[in-house]
């Protein structure tokens, strides 16, 4: 189905481009993963690019969601640009760049985030028309390619950097509107991609083109479709299409075990001067160093043998967070297919999103495949799909354990089904409901019967949490102030107080007033040590027929999670 073309590069064009890029990368992800040879043959470039763009899409959609059709913001203030009813170009490209920055994954994803940031720096300049034409797009592509090169400590030709430069050169040579410039950039990038095996020995030996460059060509194809209404045709350059069997050969050629052992990625809040020193420090520690961002927020990517030293360097420079460390271990990037026979799929598995390390250990011990969701960092649908794949089963029961993950989990389940995996989504709204579902899970039962039993157990478990208010706000229990202790029952604020133990006891009494046989308490790291003892004693004294079980949840966000069955 043809896409309605955009004449200019405005906010709507940004939104369209991001959506088309995500769709295109979704289709090309496995192919790009399969040709991932350089710098490490870890088979995840396509997935990393998809997750990076998915974060950009979410940020752009959030900006558009802030506007009503009548041209007013949700808070009642007037929309910019004469009440046009939508965000400005600067708003949209700024959101795109920021979303990509905070969601960037892997070497290629980090570079793509800088390419988008470079474009945003040009396109965010305010104008009376609030859109740009072909010349503006040319300048944006040129600045994107230059800024990406500056972000890489040691640029290598035959990579996505080469493809980006070729796209900018071709765009500069083109004339006309956005459609003509985009088409020229795409064709220039595609030609450069076809030439990458002659520039990198690793690619030539494997008989493939650069995976990151392939991803960028895919994104530029989506840009062409944005302005013409139609995709320009097959993205893959000659020799780019390889079977999965090549992946083992690539790993054997490049993954000799002599490279750095870890990939370290984190977001960093730091000043420019501190980041300059950080670059020097990390460059001495390892390779594949890419530092992107600005204005106090950076995304740091490096391959090192000493992951702790890389994180410590970030601590010295500022405040690192969302730290991700991946081990390039045996059975992964440095193992050939001959050494790694295909593992037989299990019949059934449970995949669960959990909010803390303690719960992750508990779920894993019970046989589930877990995805850790740290406070303020909900997983994207691509991450959920990866977790489903990692479970390596024909049938999967998915436990999101968060009401706000319902749509994300549904999207992930739908994508997994297209890959031939039978997925059942149980709408668990809390980790304690997931615990209840997992307790009755029996893989020997028929799939439908198992799902019904797990759904019933989750639905019969009331859930609550005790947390601390971050700001003043209206709640269903009245106005709370920053620092107040809140007790939420089934998602709604029911109690506001000053003492954690008192609020927790009140929440528990209200839940048990409707009956119950088992109380599950999950304590976060920041909860007072006495809370569990106090609540257990209260249950023993006031509710004689009720049992209590206590778990340590780790850094789970909430001070306390409560489940009553």
Protein backbone atom coordinates (compact mmCIF):
# COMPACT_ATOMS: atom_id res chain seq x y z
CA UNK A 1 0.00 0.00 0.00
CA UNK A 2 1.51 3.32 -1.10
CA UNK A 3 2.44 5.90 1.49
CA UNK A 4 0.98 9.43 1.13
CA UNK A 5 4.05 11.53 0.20
CA UNK A 6 5.21 14.54 2.21
CA UNK A 7 6.24 17.62 0.18
CA UNK A 8 8.44 19.24 2.83
CA UNK A 9 10.47 18.13 5.81
CA UNK A 10 8.18 19.16 8.66
CA UNK A 11 7.03 17.57 11.91
CA UNK A 12 4.65 15.19 10.14
CA UNK A 13 7.45 14.10 7.79
CA UNK A 14 9.64 13.34 10.82
CA UNK A 15 6.87 11.21 12.31
CA UNK A 16 6.27 9.42 9.01
CA UNK A 17 9.97 8.77 8.45
CA UNK A 18 10.46 7.35 11.93
CA UNK A 19 7.48 5.01 11.58
CA UNK A 20 8.54 3.80 8.13
CA UNK A 21 12.13 3.28 9.33
CA UNK A 22 10.94 1.15 12.22
CA UNK A 23 8.78 -0.96 9.93
CA UNK A 24 11.59 -1.38 7.41
CA UNK A 25 14.15 -2.31 10.06
CA UNK A 26 11.66 -4.79 11.49
CA UNK A 27 11.53 -6.54 8.11
CA UNK A 28 15.32 -6.36 7.57
CA UNK A 29 16.41 -7.10 11.15
CA UNK A 30 17.21 -10.79 10.73
CA UNK A 31 19.07 -10.20 7.45
CA UNK A 32 21.18 -7.45 9.02
CA UNK A 33 21.85 -9.55 12.12
CA UNK A 34 23.04 -12.40 9.90
CA UNK A 35 25.75 -10.32 8.15
CA UNK A 36 27.02 -8.69 11.35
CA UNK A 37 30.79 -9.27 11.12
CA UNK A 38 32.50 -6.03 12.14
CA UNK A 39 33.62 -4.89 14.71
CA UNK A 40 32.34 -7.98 16.57
CA UNK A 41 30.44 -10.86 14.97
CA UNK A 42 27.73 -10.91 17.62
CA UNK A 43 24.74 -11.04 15.26
CA UNK A 44 22.73 -8.19 16.78
CA UNK A 45 23.25 -5.09 14.60
CA UNK A 46 19.80 -5.27 13.03
CA UNK A 47 18.15 -5.76 16.41
CA UNK A 48 20.13 -2.89 17.95
CA UNK A 49 19.18 -0.53 15.12
CA UNK A 50 15.53 -1.56 15.47
CA UNK A 51 15.55 -0.87 19.23
CA UNK A 52 17.27 2.49 18.70
CA UNK A 53 14.67 3.62 16.17
CA UNK A 54 11.86 2.22 18.30
CA UNK A 55 12.97 4.56 21.10
CA UNK A 56 13.02 7.46 18.64
CA UNK A 57 9.51 6.61 17.45
CA UNK A 58 8.21 6.49 21.02
CA UNK A 59 9.65 9.94 21.73
CA UNK A 60 8.15 11.47 18.58
CA UNK A 61 4.76 9.90 19.25
CA UNK A 62 4.84 11.29 22.79
CA UNK A 63 5.32 14.80 21.38
CA UNK A 64 2.40 14.39 18.98
CA UNK A 65 0.24 12.93 21.76
CA UNK A 66 0.66 16.20 23.68
CA UNK A 67 -1.47 18.00 21.09
CA UNK A 68 -5.21 17.93 20.56
CA UNK A 69 -6.91 18.12 17.19
CA UNK A 70 -8.25 21.57 18.03
CA UNK A 71 -4.72 23.02 18.12
CA UNK A 72 -4.28 23.22 21.86
CA UNK A 73 -1.86 21.49 24.13
CA UNK A 74 -3.33 19.09 26.65
CA UNK A 75 -2.59 21.66 29.37
CA UNK A 76 -4.74 24.21 27.53
CA UNK A 77 -1.98 26.43 26.18
CA UNK A 78 -1.89 27.38 22.52
CA UNK A 79 -0.08 25.18 20.04
CA UNK A 80 2.83 26.75 18.13
CA UNK A 81 2.78 27.89 14.51
CA UNK A 82 -0.52 29.70 14.44
CA UNK A 83 -2.44 26.93 16.16
CA UNK A 84 -1.50 24.31 13.62
CA UNK A 85 -2.54 21.60 16.03
CA UNK A 86 0.76 19.75 16.08
CA UNK A 87 4.37 20.04 17.16
CA UNK A 88 6.90 22.19 15.33
CA UNK A 89 9.69 20.71 13.23
CA UNK A 90 12.13 21.60 16.02
CA UNK A 91 9.95 19.74 18.55
CA UNK A 92 9.73 16.64 16.38
CA UNK A 93 13.39 16.36 15.35
CA UNK A 94 14.48 17.16 18.90
CA UNK A 95 12.31 14.32 20.22
CA UNK A 96 13.58 11.97 17.51
CA UNK A 97 17.21 12.70 18.37
CA UNK A 98 16.66 12.49 22.13
CA UNK A 99 14.71 9.25 21.86
CA UNK A 100 17.42 7.66 19.73
CA UNK A 101 20.12 8.88 22.13
CA UNK A 102 18.58 7.39 25.26
CA UNK A 103 17.58 4.17 23.49
CA UNK A 104 20.74 3.61 21.42
CA UNK A 105 22.00 0.01 21.41
CA UNK A 106 25.30 -1.34 20.20
CA UNK A 107 27.94 0.30 18.06
CA UNK A 108 25.72 0.94 15.01
CA UNK A 109 22.74 2.07 17.07
CA UNK A 110 24.91 4.61 18.87
CA UNK A 111 26.24 5.96 15.58
CA UNK A 112 22.72 6.14 14.13
CA UNK A 113 21.67 8.15 17.19
CA UNK A 114 24.44 10.65 16.43
CA UNK A 115 23.43 10.81 12.76
CA UNK A 116 19.87 11.69 13.82
CA UNK A 117 21.19 14.21 16.33
CA UNK A 118 23.34 15.83 13.63
CA UNK A 119 20.28 16.19 11.40
CA UNK A 120 18.26 17.60 14.28
CA UNK A 121 20.87 20.28 14.98
CA UNK A 122 20.31 21.66 11.47
CA UNK A 123 16.57 21.08 11.19
CA UNK A 124 15.71 22.50 14.62
CA UNK A 125 16.60 26.05 13.57
CA UNK A 126 13.32 27.95 13.83
CA UNK A 127 11.87 29.62 10.73
CA UNK A 128 8.67 31.35 9.74
CA UNK A 129 7.49 28.37 7.69
CA UNK A 130 8.58 25.71 10.21
CA UNK A 131 9.54 23.32 7.44
CA UNK A 132 12.48 22.85 5.12
CA UNK A 133 12.98 21.84 1.52
CA UNK A 134 15.68 20.08 -0.43
CA UNK A 135 18.51 22.42 0.54
CA UNK A 136 17.72 22.08 4.23
CA UNK A 137 17.73 18.29 3.91
CA UNK A 138 21.10 18.46 2.12
CA UNK A 139 22.60 20.49 4.98
CA UNK A 140 21.12 18.10 7.55
CA UNK A 141 22.59 15.01 5.89
CA UNK A 142 26.01 16.67 5.55
CA UNK A 143 26.10 17.71 9.21
CA UNK A 144 24.87 14.26 10.28
CA UNK A 145 27.74 12.49 8.50
CA UNK A 146 30.34 14.92 9.88
CA UNK A 147 29.09 14.72 13.47
CA UNK A 148 28.98 10.91 13.40
CA UNK A 149 32.63 10.77 12.33
CA UNK A 150 33.59 13.13 15.14
CA UNK A 151 31.83 10.87 17.67
CA UNK A 152 33.90 7.79 16.75
CA UNK A 153 37.36 7.68 18.31
CA UNK A 154 38.98 5.90 15.35
CA UNK A 155 36.83 6.04 12.20
CA UNK A 156 37.16 3.03 9.88
CA UNK A 157 36.28 3.07 6.19
CA UNK A 158 33.93 0.40 4.93
CA UNK A 159 31.51 0.96 7.81
CA UNK A 160 28.31 2.91 8.35
CA UNK A 161 30.44 6.10 8.49
CA UNK A 162 31.50 5.57 4.88
CA UNK A 163 27.91 4.97 3.82
CA UNK A 164 26.74 8.12 5.64
CA UNK A 165 29.43 10.24 3.96
CA UNK A 166 28.49 8.86 0.55
CA UNK A 167 24.83 9.67 1.18
CA UNK A 168 25.76 13.26 2.10
CA UNK A 169 27.98 13.63 -0.98
CA UNK A 170 25.25 12.39 -3.29
CA UNK A 171 22.69 14.64 -1.64
CA UNK A 172 24.99 17.64 -2.09
CA UNK A 173 25.29 16.89 -5.81
CA UNK A 174 21.53 16.63 -6.25
CA UNK A 175 19.16 19.49 -6.83
CA UNK A 176 15.46 19.94 -6.37
CA UNK A 177 13.03 19.11 -3.61
CA UNK A 178 13.20 16.75 -0.64
CA UNK A 179 12.15 13.75 -2.73
CA UNK A 180 15.02 14.23 -5.20
CA UNK A 181 17.57 14.83 -2.44
CA UNK A 182 16.39 11.80 -0.46
CA UNK A 183 16.51 9.59 -3.55
CA UNK A 184 20.04 10.77 -4.37
CA UNK A 185 21.20 10.14 -0.80
CA UNK A 186 19.73 6.65 -0.88
CA UNK A 187 21.36 5.75 -4.21
CA UNK A 188 24.71 7.14 -3.06
CA UNK A 189 24.51 5.18 0.19
CA UNK A 190 23.49 2.01 -1.63
CA UNK A 191 26.46 2.24 -3.99
CA UNK A 192 28.81 2.85 -1.07
CA UNK A 193 27.36 -0.14 0.76
CA UNK A 194 28.07 -2.40 -2.22
CA UNK A 195 31.72 -1.26 -2.11
CA UNK A 196 32.29 -1.94 1.61
CA UNK A 197 33.69 -5.48 1.15
CA UNK A 198 36.57 -3.95 -0.81
CA UNK A 199 37.37 -1.62 2.09
CA UNK A 200 37.25 -4.01 5.04
CA UNK A 201 39.02 -7.37 4.92
CA UNK A 202 36.59 -8.85 7.44
CA UNK A 203 33.68 -8.17 5.10
CA UNK A 204 35.51 -9.48 2.04
CA UNK A 205 36.41 -12.77 3.74
CA UNK A 206 32.82 -13.30 4.85
CA UNK A 207 31.37 -12.23 1.51
CA UNK A 208 29.00 -9.66 3.03
CA UNK A 209 28.48 -5.90 3.14
CA UNK A 210 28.68 -3.86 6.35
CA UNK A 211 25.70 -4.55 8.60
CA UNK A 212 25.51 -1.03 10.05
CA UNK A 213 25.71 0.45 6.56
CA UNK A 214 22.93 -1.88 5.44
CA UNK A 215 20.83 -0.54 8.30
CA UNK A 216 21.47 3.07 7.31
CA UNK A 217 20.51 2.34 3.69
CA UNK A 218 17.28 0.84 5.05
CA UNK A 219 16.58 4.03 6.99
CA UNK A 220 17.32 6.18 3.92
CA UNK A 221 14.96 4.02 1.86
CA UNK A 222 12.27 4.94 4.38
CA UNK A 223 13.19 8.60 3.87
CA UNK A 224 12.61 8.19 0.13
CA UNK A 225 9.23 6.60 0.82
CA UNK A 226 8.36 9.50 3.13
CA UNK A 227 8.73 12.02 0.28
CA UNK A 228 7.66 9.92 -2.73
CA UNK A 229 5.00 7.64 -1.29
CA UNK A 230 6.80 4.50 -2.42
CA UNK A 231 9.80 2.50 -1.23
CA UNK A 232 12.68 2.65 -3.74
CA UNK A 233 13.00 -1.13 -4.13
CA UNK A 234 15.25 -3.82 -2.63
CA UNK A 235 17.68 -2.33 -0.16
CA UNK A 236 20.28 -5.09 -0.16
CA UNK A 237 23.38 -4.43 -2.24
CA UNK A 238 25.15 -7.24 -4.13
CA UNK A 239 26.28 -10.08 -1.85
CA UNK A 240 24.33 -8.64 1.09
CA UNK A 241 21.85 -11.48 1.24
CA UNK A 242 23.31 -14.44 3.07
CA UNK A 243 21.85 -17.42 4.84
CA UNK A 244 22.01 -17.85 8.58
CA UNK A 245 24.69 -20.50 8.04
CA UNK A 246 27.14 -17.74 7.08
CA UNK A 247 26.87 -16.33 10.58
CA UNK A 248 28.86 -19.24 11.96
CA UNK A 249 31.56 -18.71 9.34
CA UNK A 250 31.74 -15.00 10.14
CA UNK A 251 32.14 -15.70 13.81
CA UNK A 252 34.91 -18.19 13.16
CA UNK A 253 36.77 -15.73 10.95
CA UNK A 254 36.58 -12.73 13.24
CA UNK A 255 35.74 -14.03 16.68
CA UNK A 256 39.15 -15.45 17.58
CA UNK A 257 38.89 -14.52 21.22
CA UNK A 258 41.62 -11.84 20.98
CA UNK A 259 39.27 -8.85 21.06
CA UNK A 260 37.84 -7.15 24.15
CA UNK A 261 35.59 -9.32 26.27
CA UNK A 262 32.81 -6.82 27.07
CA UNK A 263 30.60 -4.24 25.42
CA UNK A 264 29.77 -1.43 27.85
CA UNK A 265 27.04 1.13 27.15
CA UNK A 266 25.62 3.78 29.47
CA UNK A 267 23.92 7.14 29.48
CA UNK A 268 25.98 9.85 31.15
CA UNK A 269 25.10 13.22 32.59
CA UNK A 270 28.31 15.24 32.39
CA UNK A 271 29.89 18.50 31.26
CA UNK A 272 31.75 18.76 27.95
CA UNK A 273 35.18 19.06 29.58
CA UNK A 274 34.63 15.93 31.63
CA UNK A 275 33.51 14.01 28.53
CA UNK A 276 36.68 15.03 26.69
CA UNK A 277 38.75 13.49 29.49
CA UNK A 278 36.47 10.42 29.50
CA UNK A 279 37.12 9.84 25.79
CA UNK A 280 40.87 9.72 26.43
CA UNK A 281 40.44 7.37 29.37
CA UNK A 282 38.16 4.94 27.53
CA UNK A 283 40.25 5.06 24.36
CA UNK A 284 43.17 3.73 26.41
CA UNK A 285 40.99 0.98 27.93
CA UNK A 286 39.56 -0.57 24.78
CA UNK A 287 38.25 -0.02 21.24
CA UNK A 288 35.06 0.67 19.25
CA UNK A 289 34.69 3.84 21.31
CA UNK A 290 31.71 5.99 20.36
CA UNK A 291 30.54 8.90 22.52
CA UNK A 292 27.48 10.74 21.22
CA UNK A 293 25.22 13.45 22.55
CA UNK A 294 25.66 16.89 24.04
CA UNK A 295 23.92 19.49 26.19
CA UNK A 296 24.81 17.54 29.30
CA UNK A 297 23.52 14.11 28.18
CA UNK A 298 25.71 11.54 26.42
CA UNK A 299 25.54 7.94 25.27
CA UNK A 300 28.81 6.08 25.79
CA UNK A 301 29.73 2.88 23.94
CA UNK A 302 33.04 0.99 24.21
CA UNK A 303 34.47 -2.54 23.96
CA UNK A 304 36.81 -3.35 26.86
CA UNK A 305 38.29 -6.20 28.87
CA UNK A 306 37.72 -4.38 32.17
CA UNK A 307 34.03 -3.43 32.27
CA UNK A 308 34.33 -2.12 35.82
CA UNK A 309 37.03 0.34 34.82
CA UNK A 310 34.85 1.65 31.97
CA UNK A 311 31.98 2.28 34.37
CA UNK A 312 34.28 3.85 36.97
CA UNK A 313 35.55 6.24 34.32
CA UNK A 314 31.96 7.31 33.76
CA UNK A 315 31.46 7.85 37.50
CA UNK A 316 34.50 10.13 37.54
CA UNK A 317 33.13 12.11 34.59
CA UNK A 318 29.56 12.51 35.84
CA UNK A 319 26.50 10.38 36.57
CA UNK A 320 26.27 7.18 34.50
CA UNK A 321 22.97 5.26 34.43
CA UNK A 322 21.12 2.69 32.30
CA UNK A 323 24.37 0.76 32.35
CA UNK A 324 24.41 -2.28 30.04
CA UNK A 325 27.30 -4.74 29.98
CA UNK A 326 27.36 -7.56 27.42
CA UNK A 327 29.93 -10.35 27.48
CA UNK A 328 31.29 -11.49 24.14
CA UNK A 329 31.63 -14.99 25.54
CA UNK A 330 31.89 -18.54 24.28
CA UNK A 331 28.69 -19.78 22.73
CA UNK A 332 28.10 -16.24 21.49
CA UNK A 333 30.35 -14.12 19.29
CA UNK A 334 33.46 -16.31 19.48
CA UNK A 335 31.99 -19.73 18.78
CA UNK A 336 31.56 -21.26 15.35
CA UNK A 337 28.38 -22.93 14.28
CA UNK A 338 30.21 -26.26 14.13
CA UNK A 339 31.08 -25.88 17.81
CA UNK A 340 27.56 -24.77 18.66
CA UNK A 341 24.98 -27.29 17.46
CA UNK A 342 21.44 -25.92 17.27
CA UNK A 343 19.69 -26.30 20.58
CA UNK A 344 16.39 -28.18 20.48
CA UNK A 345 13.41 -25.95 21.22
CA UNK A 346 11.60 -26.54 24.48
CA UNK A 347 7.89 -27.17 24.20
CA UNK A 348 6.88 -24.36 26.57
CA UNK A 349 8.44 -21.49 28.46
CA UNK A 350 7.40 -18.56 30.64
CA UNK A 351 8.83 -15.11 29.91
CA UNK A 352 8.41 -12.47 32.62
CA UNK A 353 9.28 -8.79 33.04
CA UNK A 354 10.52 -8.24 36.60
CA UNK A 355 11.32 -4.96 38.40
CA UNK A 356 14.35 -5.98 40.48
CA UNK A 357 17.33 -8.32 40.65
CA UNK A 358 15.91 -10.24 43.60
CA UNK A 359 12.69 -11.03 41.78
CA UNK A 360 14.65 -11.88 38.64
CA UNK A 361 16.54 -14.53 40.62
CA UNK A 362 13.27 -15.84 42.08
CA UNK A 363 11.57 -16.10 38.68
CA UNK A 364 14.66 -17.68 37.10
CA UNK A 365 14.83 -20.27 39.86
CA UNK A 366 11.22 -21.12 39.09
CA UNK A 367 12.16 -21.74 35.46
CA UNK A 368 11.13 -18.48 33.81
CA UNK A 369 13.12 -16.45 31.29
CA UNK A 370 13.31 -12.94 32.76
CA UNK A 371 13.71 -9.41 31.43
CA UNK A 372 14.84 -6.92 34.06
CA UNK A 373 12.98 -3.59 34.02
CA UNK A 374 14.72 -1.10 36.25
CA UNK A 375 12.76 1.84 37.72
CA UNK A 376 11.92 4.37 35.03
CA UNK A 377 13.22 2.09 32.26
CA UNK A 378 10.29 0.12 30.82
CA UNK A 379 11.42 -2.36 28.15
CA UNK A 380 10.58 -1.76 24.50
CA UNK A 381 8.63 -4.29 22.47
CA UNK A 382 11.83 -5.33 20.68
CA UNK A 383 13.41 -6.28 24.00
CA UNK A 384 10.38 -8.40 24.86
CA UNK A 385 10.60 -10.14 21.48
CA UNK A 386 14.27 -10.86 22.15
CA UNK A 387 13.36 -12.38 25.52
CA UNK A 388 10.74 -14.59 23.85
CA UNK A 389 13.33 -15.74 21.32
CA UNK A 390 15.85 -16.35 24.11
CA UNK A 391 13.35 -18.70 25.80
CA UNK A 392 13.72 -20.90 22.68
CA UNK A 393 10.35 -22.59 22.99
CA UNK A 394 7.47 -23.45 20.69
CA UNK A 395 4.95 -22.07 23.21
CA UNK A 396 5.49 -19.04 25.44
CA UNK A 397 3.45 -17.57 28.26
CA UNK A 398 4.24 -13.86 28.58
CA UNK A 399 3.90 -12.07 31.95
CA UNK A 400 4.38 -8.26 31.60
CA UNK A 401 3.79 -7.66 35.34
CA UNK A 402 2.92 -4.00 34.73
CA UNK A 403 -0.35 -2.47 33.54
CA UNK A 404 1.54 0.13 31.48
CA UNK A 405 3.29 -2.61 29.51
CA UNK A 406 0.05 -4.11 28.21
CA UNK A 407 0.25 -2.60 24.71
CA UNK A 408 4.01 -3.10 24.44
CA UNK A 409 3.66 -6.75 25.43
CA UNK A 410 0.78 -7.23 22.99
CA UNK A 411 2.91 -5.86 20.15
CA UNK A 412 5.78 -8.15 21.12
CA UNK A 413 3.48 -11.16 21.27
CA UNK A 414 2.10 -10.38 17.84
CA UNK A 415 5.59 -10.11 16.33
CA UNK A 416 6.67 -13.38 17.95
CA UNK A 417 3.59 -15.10 16.51
CA UNK A 418 4.67 -14.05 13.01
CA UNK A 419 7.88 -16.00 13.68
CA UNK A 420 5.92 -19.19 14.38
CA UNK A 421 5.95 -19.01 18.18
CA UNK A 422 2.65 -19.63 19.95
CA UNK A 423 2.36 -16.84 22.54
CA UNK A 424 -0.25 -16.29 25.24
CA UNK A 425 -0.23 -12.93 27.01
CA UNK A 426 -1.48 -12.95 30.60
CA UNK A 427 -2.24 -9.32 31.60
CA UNK A 428 -0.45 -9.39 34.97
CA UNK A 429 -0.28 -5.88 36.45
CA UNK A 430 2.24 -6.59 39.20
CA UNK A 431 5.12 -8.96 39.86
CA UNK A 432 3.14 -10.53 42.72
CA UNK A 433 0.44 -11.55 40.25
CA UNK A 434 3.20 -13.06 38.12
CA UNK A 435 4.44 -15.03 41.12
CA UNK A 436 0.96 -16.43 41.64
CA UNK A 437 0.67 -17.39 37.96
CA UNK A 438 4.09 -19.02 37.94
CA UNK A 439 3.22 -21.04 41.06
CA UNK A 440 0.47 -22.94 39.20
CA UNK A 441 2.32 -23.29 35.90
CA UNK A 442 2.57 -26.88 34.67
CA UNK A 443 4.31 -27.43 31.35
CA UNK A 444 2.88 -30.97 31.07
CA UNK A 445 -0.68 -29.64 30.73
CA UNK A 446 -2.22 -28.65 27.43
CA UNK A 447 -1.20 -25.10 26.55
CA UNK A 448 -4.71 -23.67 26.79
CA UNK A 449 -5.34 -25.33 30.16
CA UNK A 450 -2.04 -24.04 31.54
CA UNK A 451 -2.80 -20.49 30.38
CA UNK A 452 -6.28 -20.61 31.92
CA UNK A 453 -4.91 -21.81 35.26
CA UNK A 454 -2.19 -19.15 35.31
CA UNK A 455 -4.62 -16.41 34.30
CA UNK A 456 -7.04 -17.47 37.02
CA UNK A 457 -4.30 -17.44 39.69
CA UNK A 458 -3.10 -14.00 38.61
CA UNK A 459 -6.63 -12.60 38.52
CA UNK A 460 -7.35 -13.93 42.02
CA UNK A 461 -4.35 -12.04 43.43
CA UNK A 462 -4.95 -8.50 44.60
CA UNK A 463 -1.85 -6.36 44.37
CA UNK A 464 -0.55 -3.30 46.16
CA UNK A 465 2.62 -1.32 46.55
CA UNK A 466 4.09 1.16 48.97
CA UNK A 467 6.21 3.89 47.47
CA UNK A 468 7.34 7.49 48.04
CA UNK A 469 5.78 10.44 46.20
CA UNK A 470 8.24 12.30 43.98
CA UNK A 471 6.17 15.49 43.72
CA UNK A 472 2.97 17.14 44.87
CA UNK A 473 -0.07 15.79 43.05
CA UNK A 474 -3.76 15.01 43.26
CA UNK A 475 -4.63 11.39 44.03
CA UNK A 476 -7.76 9.36 44.68
CA UNK A 477 -6.92 9.64 48.41
CA UNK A 478 -6.32 13.39 48.40
CA UNK A 479 -3.36 15.69 47.77
CA UNK A 480 0.08 14.25 48.45
CA UNK A 481 3.34 16.14 48.91
CA UNK A 482 6.81 15.18 47.71
CA UNK A 483 8.23 12.71 50.21
CA UNK A 484 4.88 11.35 51.40
CA UNK A 485 4.52 7.58 51.69
CA UNK A 486 1.82 6.28 49.35
CA UNK A 487 -0.07 3.01 49.53
CA UNK A 488 -1.55 1.93 46.18
CA UNK A 489 -4.11 -0.88 45.99
CA UNK A 490 -4.81 -2.33 42.55
CA UNK A 491 -3.13 0.69 40.98
CA UNK A 492 -5.00 3.44 42.84
CA UNK A 493 -3.64 5.52 45.73
CA UNK A 494 -5.54 4.39 48.83
CA UNK A 495 -3.38 5.64 51.72
CA UNK A 496 -1.18 8.71 52.25
CA UNK A 497 1.07 8.85 55.30
CA UNK A 498 4.50 9.61 56.72
CA UNK A 499 5.60 6.22 58.11
CA UNK A 500 6.34 3.27 55.84
CA UNK A 501 5.31 0.59 58.36
CA UNK A 502 2.03 2.32 59.24
CA UNK A 503 1.06 2.86 55.60
CA UNK A 504 1.97 -0.74 54.76
CA UNK A 505 -0.09 -2.07 57.68
CA UNK A 506 -3.11 0.00 56.64
CA UNK A 507 -2.82 -1.24 53.06
CA UNK A 508 -2.58 -4.85 54.24
CA UNK A 509 -5.60 -4.51 56.55
CA UNK A 510 -7.72 -3.10 53.73
CA UNK A 511 -6.70 -5.90 51.38
CA UNK A 512 -7.34 -8.66 53.93
CA UNK A 513 -10.72 -7.20 54.87
CA UNK A 514 -12.01 -8.88 51.70
CA UNK A 515 -10.44 -12.19 52.73
CA UNK A 516 -7.31 -14.04 51.73
CA UNK A 517 -5.22 -17.12 52.43
CA UNK A 518 -1.68 -16.06 51.45
CA UNK A 519 0.16 -12.75 51.73
CA UNK A 520 3.23 -12.20 49.55
CA UNK A 521 5.62 -9.40 50.55
CA UNK A 522 8.44 -8.26 48.24
CA UNK A 523 10.81 -5.80 49.90
CA UNK A 524 12.84 -3.30 47.92
CA UNK A 525 16.39 -2.35 48.88
CA UNK A 526 15.29 1.00 50.31
CA UNK A 527 12.55 -0.43 52.55
CA UNK A 528 13.23 -0.33 56.33
CA UNK A 529 14.39 -3.71 57.61
CA UNK A 530 11.66 -3.76 60.27
CA UNK A 531 8.74 -3.55 57.81
CA UNK A 532 8.60 -7.26 56.99
CA UNK A 533 8.80 -8.33 60.64
CA UNK A 534 6.09 -5.82 61.58
CA UNK A 535 3.71 -7.04 58.86
CA UNK A 536 4.35 -10.73 59.51
CA UNK A 537 3.59 -10.20 63.19
CA UNK A 538 0.40 -8.33 62.33
CA UNK A 539 -0.82 -11.16 60.09
CA UNK A 540 -0.07 -13.78 62.77
CA UNK A 541 -1.96 -11.84 65.43
CA UNK A 542 -4.98 -10.60 63.46
CA UNK A 543 -5.44 -13.14 60.65
CA UNK A 544 -4.90 -16.61 62.04
CA UNK A 545 -5.63 -18.58 58.87
CA UNK A 546 -3.39 -16.49 56.61
CA UNK A 547 0.18 -17.47 55.66
CA UNK A 548 2.93 -14.99 54.79
CA UNK A 549 5.92 -15.35 52.47
CA UNK A 550 8.65 -12.70 52.14
CA UNK A 551 11.04 -12.11 49.23
CA UNK A 552 13.83 -9.60 48.63
CA UNK A 553 13.17 -7.72 45.41
CA UNK A 554 16.36 -5.66 45.13
CA UNK A 555 16.23 -2.31 43.29
CA UNK A 556 12.60 -2.62 42.28
CA UNK A 557 11.46 1.00 42.53
CA UNK A 558 8.69 0.47 45.09
CA UNK A 559 9.60 0.10 48.77
CA UNK A 560 7.20 -2.83 49.08
CA UNK A 561 5.04 -4.99 46.82
CA UNK A 562 2.09 -6.81 48.39
CA UNK A 563 0.02 -9.65 47.00
CA UNK A 564 -3.02 -11.25 48.62
CA UNK A 565 -4.45 -14.51 47.30
